[in-house]
Amino acid sequence: MKNILSLDVGEARIGVAIGYEETKNCFPLQAIKKSEADIKIKNIINEKQISLLVVGLPLDEDNNETTTSQKIRLFANKLSNENKVNVVFVDEYYSSQEAIERLNLKGKDQKTRNSGIVDSVSATIILERYFTNEGIIV
């Protein structure tokens, strides 16, 4: 069974989710501070025997990469090379807003919305899109 790690890379935090190719089940994990990402992601990859990274990539309204998406692509490729796992990119369009809706956080205070759970549920949504072949970027 292939274990897959999904990442929603933000400026301060990275949302994290794990999924299993055989069952297509996805589960959010605790979000990671970006400053601690390299070591924490490496630990997850080793502990959970991850064989694939699925990373959300923000595109502009014309489906072109942005400066942010180029930075995320570099970050993800570095993780892929250092940890010897393949990486696939998925369009993350609207994943954070969908996560807020799923968690019923509309209208909640900013502290609640910035707790990291939105980021990890967004990573779960990105992984669900991968499993349904939706929004995969080559």
Protein backbone atom coordinates (compact mmCIF):
# COMPACT_ATOMS: atom_id res chain seq x y z
CA MET A 1 0.00 0.00 0.00
CA LYS A 2 1.37 3.39 -0.99
CA ASN A 3 1.36 6.01 1.78
CA ILE A 4 0.99 9.57 0.54
CA LEU A 5 1.74 12.86 2.29
CA SER A 6 -0.12 15.97 1.17
CA LEU A 7 1.09 19.49 1.84
CA ASP A 8 -0.63 22.87 1.69
CA VAL A 9 2.36 25.20 1.83
CA GLY A 10 1.71 28.65 3.25
CA GLU A 11 3.87 31.56 4.33
CA ALA A 12 3.91 30.70 8.06
CA ARG A 13 2.54 27.14 8.21
CA ILE A 14 2.25 23.99 6.17
CA GLY A 15 -0.96 22.02 6.32
CA VAL A 16 -0.31 18.29 6.37
CA ALA A 17 -2.47 15.27 5.57
CA ILE A 18 -1.79 11.60 5.04
CA GLY A 19 -3.61 9.25 2.72
CA TYR A 20 -3.49 5.68 1.54
CA GLU A 21 -3.66 4.87 -2.14
CA GLU A 22 -5.31 1.50 -1.65
CA THR A 23 -8.27 2.78 0.38
CA LYS A 24 -8.20 6.43 -0.77
CA ASN A 25 -8.72 7.49 2.86
CA CYS A 26 -7.27 10.86 3.89
CA PHE A 27 -6.63 12.29 7.33
CA PRO A 28 -5.37 15.71 8.42
CA LEU A 29 -2.30 15.83 10.65
CA GLN A 30 -1.10 18.71 12.80
CA ALA A 31 0.09 21.70 10.76
CA ILE A 32 3.82 22.45 10.82
CA LYS A 33 5.53 25.80 11.28
CA LYS A 34 7.36 26.59 8.06
CA SER A 35 10.58 27.22 10.00
CA GLU A 36 10.48 23.59 11.24
CA ALA A 37 9.28 22.04 7.99
CA ASP A 38 12.40 20.29 6.70
CA ILE A 39 13.03 18.14 9.76
CA LYS A 40 9.38 17.52 10.67
CA ILE A 41 8.41 16.51 7.13
CA LYS A 42 11.47 14.25 6.92
CA ASN A 43 10.40 12.58 10.19
CA ILE A 44 6.86 12.02 8.89
CA ILE A 45 8.19 10.59 5.62
CA ASN A 46 10.36 8.12 7.51
CA GLU A 47 7.87 7.21 10.26
CA LYS A 48 4.89 6.75 7.94
CA GLN A 49 6.92 5.22 5.06
CA ILE A 50 5.73 7.88 2.62
CA SER A 51 6.37 7.14 -1.05
CA LEU A 52 4.69 10.18 -2.65
CA LEU A 53 4.26 13.88 -1.86
CA VAL A 54 1.15 15.62 -3.17
CA VAL A 55 1.61 19.37 -2.98
CA GLY A 56 -0.97 22.09 -3.59
CA LEU A 57 0.06 24.69 -6.13
CA PRO A 58 -1.69 28.07 -6.40
CA LEU A 59 -2.38 29.13 -9.97
CA ASP A 60 -3.64 32.45 -11.28
CA GLU A 61 -7.02 32.98 -12.95
CA ASP A 62 -5.56 31.80 -16.28
CA ASN A 63 -4.14 28.60 -14.70
CA ASN A 64 -0.58 29.90 -14.92
CA GLU A 65 1.99 29.58 -12.19
CA THR A 66 2.63 32.55 -9.95
CA THR A 67 5.72 33.67 -8.06
CA THR A 68 4.33 31.88 -5.02
CA SER A 69 3.69 28.66 -6.93
CA GLN A 70 7.26 28.73 -8.28
CA LYS A 71 8.59 29.04 -4.70
CA ILE A 72 6.37 26.15 -3.59
CA ARG A 73 7.54 24.03 -6.54
CA LEU A 74 11.20 24.65 -5.55
CA PHE A 75 10.45 23.81 -1.90
CA ALA A 76 8.60 20.60 -2.84
CA ASN A 77 11.27 19.47 -5.30
CA LYS A 78 13.93 20.00 -2.61
CA LEU A 79 11.92 17.86 -0.18
CA SER A 80 11.44 15.25 -2.88
CA ASN A 81 15.15 15.06 -3.69
CA GLU A 82 16.33 15.07 -0.06
CA ASN A 83 13.87 12.36 0.98
CA LYS A 84 13.89 10.30 -2.22
CA VAL A 85 10.13 10.44 -2.77
CA ASN A 86 8.26 11.46 -5.88
CA VAL A 87 6.19 14.64 -5.94
CA VAL A 88 2.95 15.49 -7.74
CA PHE A 89 1.38 18.95 -7.84
CA VAL A 90 -2.36 19.60 -7.62
CA ASP A 91 -4.21 22.86 -8.21
CA GLU A 92 -5.18 24.10 -4.73
CA TYR A 93 -7.81 26.54 -5.99
CA TYR A 94 -10.44 27.24 -3.31
CA SER A 95 -9.11 24.50 -0.98
CA SER A 96 -8.73 26.84 2.02
CA GLN A 97 -12.22 28.27 1.57
CA GLU A 98 -13.61 24.74 1.22
CA ALA A 99 -11.79 23.75 4.43
CA ILE A 100 -13.35 26.72 6.28
CA GLU A 101 -16.78 25.60 5.05
CA ARG A 102 -16.19 21.97 6.05
CA LEU A 103 -15.09 23.03 9.51
CA ASN A 104 -18.04 25.42 9.80
CA LEU A 105 -15.69 28.31 10.64
CA LYS A 106 -17.38 31.03 8.61
CA GLY A 107 -17.67 34.07 10.80
CA LYS A 108 -15.36 32.69 13.47
CA ASP A 109 -12.55 34.83 14.85
CA GLN A 110 -9.18 34.98 13.09
CA LYS A 111 -7.40 33.11 15.92
CA THR A 112 -9.62 30.07 15.41
CA ARG A 113 -9.19 30.21 11.65
CA ASN A 114 -5.40 30.56 12.00
CA SER A 115 -4.97 27.59 14.34
CA GLY A 116 -3.52 25.38 11.60
CA ILE A 117 -6.51 23.08 11.30
CA VAL A 118 -7.71 24.92 8.18
CA ASP A 119 -4.30 24.34 6.56
CA SER A 120 -4.34 20.62 7.29
CA VAL A 121 -7.94 20.17 6.14
CA SER A 122 -6.93 22.05 2.98
CA ALA A 123 -4.08 19.52 2.55
CA THR A 124 -6.69 16.77 2.92
CA ILE A 125 -8.81 18.36 0.17
CA ILE A 126 -5.75 18.58 -2.09
CA LEU A 127 -5.12 14.86 -1.52
CA GLU A 128 -8.77 14.04 -2.25
CA ARG A 129 -8.38 15.89 -5.56
CA TYR A 130 -5.31 13.80 -6.34
CA PHE A 131 -7.26 10.59 -5.66
CA THR A 132 -10.01 11.71 -8.06
CA ASN A 133 -7.45 12.90 -10.66
CA GLU A 134 -8.80 16.44 -10.34
CA GLY A 135 -6.48 19.40 -10.84
CA ILE A 136 -3.23 17.44 -11.28
CA ILE A 137 -0.54 19.69 -12.73
CA VAL A 138 2.19 18.23 -14.87
